[in-house]
Amino acid sequence: MAKTKGFKMNEKRTKIMEALMNSEEGLTLSELSVEMGEEIKSGTTNVLLKEGLIEKVGTKKIPVTVYREVSIYKAVEGAEEKIANYEKVEG
């Protein structure tokens, strides 16, 4: 019986369960994502944890390279003339 209100075994959850049942040691979210060919986030596994269908069996140290999308800024054309109109303050 479902412990989580409205819990259903959708296609993604079924595939996760199949992957984990076929793994002897268990898989990280990253390994699950590779196995399934799509990103698996913790929200999906958290529901399965709450339902008692999976368990956390340990941790693993992995090397991480972090990339982050950042904005690039550029002065607009005519900016020099526009800033000449602002009051200048020291500090």
N, C-alpha and C. Protein backbone atom coordinates (compact mmCIF):
# COMPACT_ATOMS: atom_id res chain seq x y z
N MET A 1 0.84 -1.19 0.00
CA MET A 1 0.00 0.00 0.00
C MET A 1 0.88 1.25 0.00
N ALA A 2 0.48 2.24 -0.76
CA ALA A 2 1.28 3.46 -0.90
C ALA A 2 1.32 4.25 0.41
N LYS A 3 2.53 4.66 0.78
CA LYS A 3 2.72 5.50 1.96
C LYS A 3 2.65 6.97 1.59
N THR A 4 3.03 7.27 0.34
CA THR A 4 3.02 8.64 -0.16
C THR A 4 1.70 8.89 -0.86
N LYS A 5 1.02 9.97 -0.50
CA LYS A 5 -0.29 10.27 -1.06
C LYS A 5 -0.19 10.39 -2.59
N GLY A 6 -1.03 9.67 -3.27
CA GLY A 6 -1.07 9.73 -4.72
C GLY A 6 0.06 9.00 -5.42
N PHE A 7 0.81 8.17 -4.70
CA PHE A 7 1.96 7.47 -5.29
C PHE A 7 1.49 6.50 -6.37
N LYS A 8 2.20 6.55 -7.51
CA LYS A 8 1.94 5.61 -8.60
C LYS A 8 3.28 5.20 -9.19
N MET A 9 3.36 3.98 -9.65
CA MET A 9 4.57 3.49 -10.30
C MET A 9 4.53 3.90 -11.77
N ASN A 10 5.06 5.10 -12.07
CA ASN A 10 5.09 5.54 -13.46
C ASN A 10 6.26 4.87 -14.19
N GLU A 11 6.41 5.19 -15.46
CA GLU A 11 7.43 4.56 -16.30
C GLU A 11 8.84 4.82 -15.78
N LYS A 12 9.11 6.07 -15.38
CA LYS A 12 10.45 6.42 -14.88
C LYS A 12 10.77 5.64 -13.60
N ARG A 13 9.84 5.60 -12.67
CA ARG A 13 10.07 4.88 -11.42
C ARG A 13 10.26 3.38 -11.67
N THR A 14 9.51 2.84 -12.61
CA THR A 14 9.64 1.43 -12.96
C THR A 14 11.03 1.15 -13.52
N LYS A 15 11.52 2.02 -14.40
CA LYS A 15 12.86 1.84 -14.98
C LYS A 15 13.94 1.96 -13.90
N ILE A 16 13.76 2.89 -12.96
CA ILE A 16 14.72 3.04 -11.86
C ILE A 16 14.75 1.75 -11.04
N MET A 17 13.58 1.23 -10.73
CA MET A 17 13.52 0.01 -9.94
C MET A 17 14.18 -1.15 -10.67
N GLU A 18 13.96 -1.26 -11.97
CA GLU A 18 14.59 -2.33 -12.75
C GLU A 18 16.11 -2.20 -12.72
N ALA A 19 16.61 -0.97 -12.90
CA ALA A 19 18.06 -0.73 -12.88
C ALA A 19 18.64 -1.09 -11.52
N LEU A 20 17.97 -0.71 -10.44
CA LEU A 20 18.48 -0.99 -9.09
C LEU A 20 18.38 -2.47 -8.74
N MET A 21 17.35 -3.12 -9.21
CA MET A 21 17.22 -4.56 -8.95
C MET A 21 18.28 -5.37 -9.70
N ASN A 22 18.77 -4.82 -10.81
CA ASN A 22 19.81 -5.50 -11.60
C ASN A 22 21.22 -5.12 -11.17
N SER A 23 21.35 -4.27 -10.17
CA SER A 23 22.66 -3.83 -9.69
C SER A 23 22.96 -4.50 -8.36
N GLU A 24 24.11 -5.15 -8.27
CA GLU A 24 24.49 -5.83 -7.02
C GLU A 24 24.87 -4.85 -5.92
N GLU A 25 25.62 -3.80 -6.28
CA GLU A 25 26.14 -2.87 -5.28
C GLU A 25 25.29 -1.61 -5.11
N GLY A 26 24.35 -1.37 -6.00
CA GLY A 26 23.58 -0.14 -5.97
C GLY A 26 24.19 0.89 -6.91
N LEU A 27 23.47 1.97 -7.15
CA LEU A 27 23.90 3.00 -8.08
C LEU A 27 23.71 4.38 -7.48
N THR A 28 24.58 5.30 -7.85
CA THR A 28 24.41 6.71 -7.48
C THR A 28 23.40 7.33 -8.45
N LEU A 29 22.94 8.54 -8.15
CA LEU A 29 22.03 9.23 -9.07
C LEU A 29 22.68 9.42 -10.43
N SER A 30 23.97 9.74 -10.42
CA SER A 30 24.70 9.93 -11.66
C SER A 30 24.77 8.63 -12.46
N GLU A 31 25.05 7.55 -11.79
CA GLU A 31 25.11 6.25 -12.47
C GLU A 31 23.73 5.83 -12.99
N LEU A 32 22.69 6.12 -12.21
CA LEU A 32 21.33 5.84 -12.66
C LEU A 32 21.00 6.66 -13.91
N SER A 33 21.42 7.92 -13.92
CA SER A 33 21.18 8.79 -15.07
C SER A 33 21.83 8.23 -16.33
N VAL A 34 23.07 7.76 -16.20
CA VAL A 34 23.77 7.17 -17.33
C VAL A 34 23.04 5.90 -17.78
N GLU A 35 22.69 5.07 -16.84
CA GLU A 35 22.00 3.81 -17.12
C GLU A 35 20.69 4.03 -17.87
N MET A 36 19.97 5.07 -17.48
CA MET A 36 18.65 5.32 -18.05
C MET A 36 18.66 6.26 -19.24
N GLY A 37 19.77 6.97 -19.44
CA GLY A 37 19.85 7.89 -20.58
C GLY A 37 19.10 9.19 -20.37
N GLU A 38 18.80 9.51 -19.13
CA GLU A 38 18.15 10.79 -18.78
C GLU A 38 18.52 11.15 -17.36
N GLU A 39 18.42 12.45 -17.04
CA GLU A 39 18.82 12.89 -15.71
C GLU A 39 17.82 12.42 -14.66
N ILE A 40 18.34 11.80 -13.61
CA ILE A 40 17.51 11.37 -12.49
C ILE A 40 17.86 12.26 -11.31
N LYS A 41 16.85 12.89 -10.75
CA LYS A 41 17.07 13.79 -9.61
C LYS A 41 16.62 13.12 -8.33
N SER A 42 17.07 13.69 -7.23
CA SER A 42 16.80 13.09 -5.92
C SER A 42 15.31 13.03 -5.58
N GLY A 43 14.52 13.92 -6.12
CA GLY A 43 13.08 13.89 -5.84
C GLY A 43 12.44 12.58 -6.25
N THR A 44 12.90 12.03 -7.36
CA THR A 44 12.36 10.75 -7.84
C THR A 44 12.73 9.62 -6.90
N THR A 45 14.00 9.60 -6.46
CA THR A 45 14.41 8.52 -5.56
C THR A 45 13.88 8.73 -4.15
N ASN A 46 13.68 9.98 -3.73
CA ASN A 46 13.15 10.24 -2.39
C ASN A 46 11.77 9.62 -2.20
N VAL A 47 10.94 9.69 -3.23
CA VAL A 47 9.61 9.09 -3.16
C VAL A 47 9.74 7.57 -3.02
N LEU A 48 10.66 6.98 -3.76
CA LEU A 48 10.86 5.53 -3.68
C LEU A 48 11.41 5.13 -2.31
N LEU A 49 12.24 6.00 -1.73
CA LEU A 49 12.73 5.77 -0.36
C LEU A 49 11.57 5.78 0.63
N LYS A 50 10.71 6.80 0.53
CA LYS A 50 9.57 6.92 1.45
C LYS A 50 8.62 5.75 1.32
N GLU A 51 8.50 5.21 0.12
CA GLU A 51 7.62 4.07 -0.11
C GLU A 51 8.23 2.77 0.40
N GLY A 52 9.52 2.81 0.76
CA GLY A 52 10.18 1.61 1.24
C GLY A 52 10.60 0.66 0.12
N LEU A 53 10.69 1.19 -1.10
CA LEU A 53 11.05 0.36 -2.25
C LEU A 53 12.56 0.33 -2.49
N ILE A 54 13.26 1.36 -2.04
CA ILE A 54 14.72 1.39 -2.14
C ILE A 54 15.29 1.83 -0.81
N GLU A 55 16.58 1.61 -0.63
CA GLU A 55 17.24 2.05 0.59
C GLU A 55 18.60 2.63 0.24
N LYS A 56 19.07 3.52 1.08
CA LYS A 56 20.41 4.07 0.93
C LYS A 56 21.37 3.07 1.57
N VAL A 57 22.34 2.59 0.77
CA VAL A 57 23.23 1.55 1.27
C VAL A 57 24.65 2.05 1.51
N GLY A 58 24.90 3.31 1.30
CA GLY A 58 26.24 3.84 1.53
C GLY A 58 26.46 5.13 0.79
N THR A 59 27.70 5.54 0.77
CA THR A 59 28.10 6.74 0.05
C THR A 59 29.33 6.41 -0.77
N LYS A 60 29.67 7.30 -1.67
CA LYS A 60 30.80 7.10 -2.55
C LYS A 60 31.45 8.45 -2.80
N LYS A 61 32.77 8.52 -2.73
CA LYS A 61 33.48 9.75 -3.05
C LYS A 61 33.79 9.75 -4.54
N ILE A 62 33.41 10.84 -5.19
CA ILE A 62 33.65 10.95 -6.63
C ILE A 62 34.29 12.30 -6.93
N PRO A 63 35.14 12.37 -7.95
CA PRO A 63 35.69 13.67 -8.34
C PRO A 63 34.60 14.49 -9.03
N VAL A 64 34.59 15.78 -8.76
CA VAL A 64 33.54 16.64 -9.32
C VAL A 64 34.17 17.87 -9.97
N THR A 65 33.83 18.09 -11.21
CA THR A 65 34.18 19.33 -11.89
C THR A 65 32.87 20.09 -12.05
N VAL A 66 32.84 21.28 -11.54
CA VAL A 66 31.59 22.03 -11.55
C VAL A 66 31.64 23.12 -12.62
N TYR A 67 30.65 23.10 -13.47
CA TYR A 67 30.46 24.16 -14.45
C TYR A 67 29.14 24.81 -14.13
N ARG A 68 29.10 26.10 -14.29
CA ARG A 68 27.91 26.84 -13.98
C ARG A 68 27.67 27.85 -15.09
N GLU A 69 26.46 28.03 -15.49
CA GLU A 69 26.15 29.02 -16.51
C GLU A 69 26.12 30.39 -15.85
N VAL A 70 26.86 31.32 -16.41
CA VAL A 70 26.93 32.67 -15.87
C VAL A 70 26.57 33.65 -16.98
N SER A 71 26.10 34.82 -16.57
CA SER A 71 25.73 35.86 -17.54
C SER A 71 26.97 36.63 -17.99
N ILE A 72 26.91 37.11 -19.21
CA ILE A 72 27.97 37.96 -19.77
C ILE A 72 27.36 39.34 -19.99
N TYR A 73 28.06 40.36 -19.54
CA TYR A 73 27.54 41.72 -19.64
C TYR A 73 28.42 42.54 -20.57
N LYS A 74 27.80 43.49 -21.25
CA LYS A 74 28.52 44.37 -22.16
C LYS A 74 27.83 45.73 -22.10
N ALA A 75 28.61 46.77 -22.16
CA ALA A 75 28.03 48.11 -22.16
C ALA A 75 27.24 48.32 -23.45
N VAL A 76 26.11 48.98 -23.33
CA VAL A 76 25.29 49.26 -24.50
C VAL A 76 25.91 50.40 -25.29
N GLU A 77 25.56 50.46 -26.55
CA GLU A 77 26.05 51.54 -27.38
C GLU A 77 25.51 52.86 -26.85
N GLY A 78 26.36 53.83 -26.71
CA GLY A 78 25.97 55.13 -26.18
C GLY A 78 25.99 55.20 -24.67
N ALA A 79 26.51 54.19 -24.00
CA ALA A 79 26.54 54.17 -22.54
C ALA A 79 27.37 55.31 -21.98
N GLU A 80 28.45 55.64 -22.65
CA GLU A 80 29.33 56.71 -22.16
C GLU A 80 28.57 58.03 -22.05
N GLU A 81 27.76 58.31 -23.04
CA GLU A 81 26.96 59.54 -23.01
C GLU A 81 25.91 59.49 -21.92
N LYS A 82 25.31 58.31 -21.70
CA LYS A 82 24.27 58.17 -20.70
C LYS A 82 24.83 58.35 -19.28
N ILE A 83 25.99 57.77 -19.00
CA ILE A 83 26.52 57.88 -17.64
C ILE A 83 27.02 59.29 -17.35
N ALA A 84 27.30 60.06 -18.38
CA ALA A 84 27.72 61.45 -18.17
C ALA A 84 26.59 62.26 -17.56
N ASN A 85 25.36 61.83 -17.70
CA ASN A 85 24.20 62.53 -17.17
C ASN A 85 23.92 62.20 -15.69
N TYR A 86 24.56 61.17 -15.14
CA TYR A 86 24.32 60.79 -13.75
C TYR A 86 25.14 61.65 -12.81
N GLU A 87 24.61 61.89 -11.65
CA GLU A 87 25.35 62.64 -10.61
C GLU A 87 26.49 61.78 -10.14
N LYS A 88 27.64 62.36 -9.99
CA LYS A 88 28.82 61.62 -9.53
C LYS A 88 28.98 61.81 -8.04
N VAL A 89 29.26 60.71 -7.37
CA VAL A 89 29.50 60.75 -5.92
C VAL A 89 30.84 60.09 -5.66
N GLU A 90 31.48 60.45 -4.58
CA GLU A 90 32.76 59.87 -4.24
C GLU A 90 32.53 58.67 -3.33
N GLY A 91 33.41 57.68 -3.48
CA GLY A 91 33.35 56.54 -2.59
C GLY A 91 33.04 55.30 -3.23
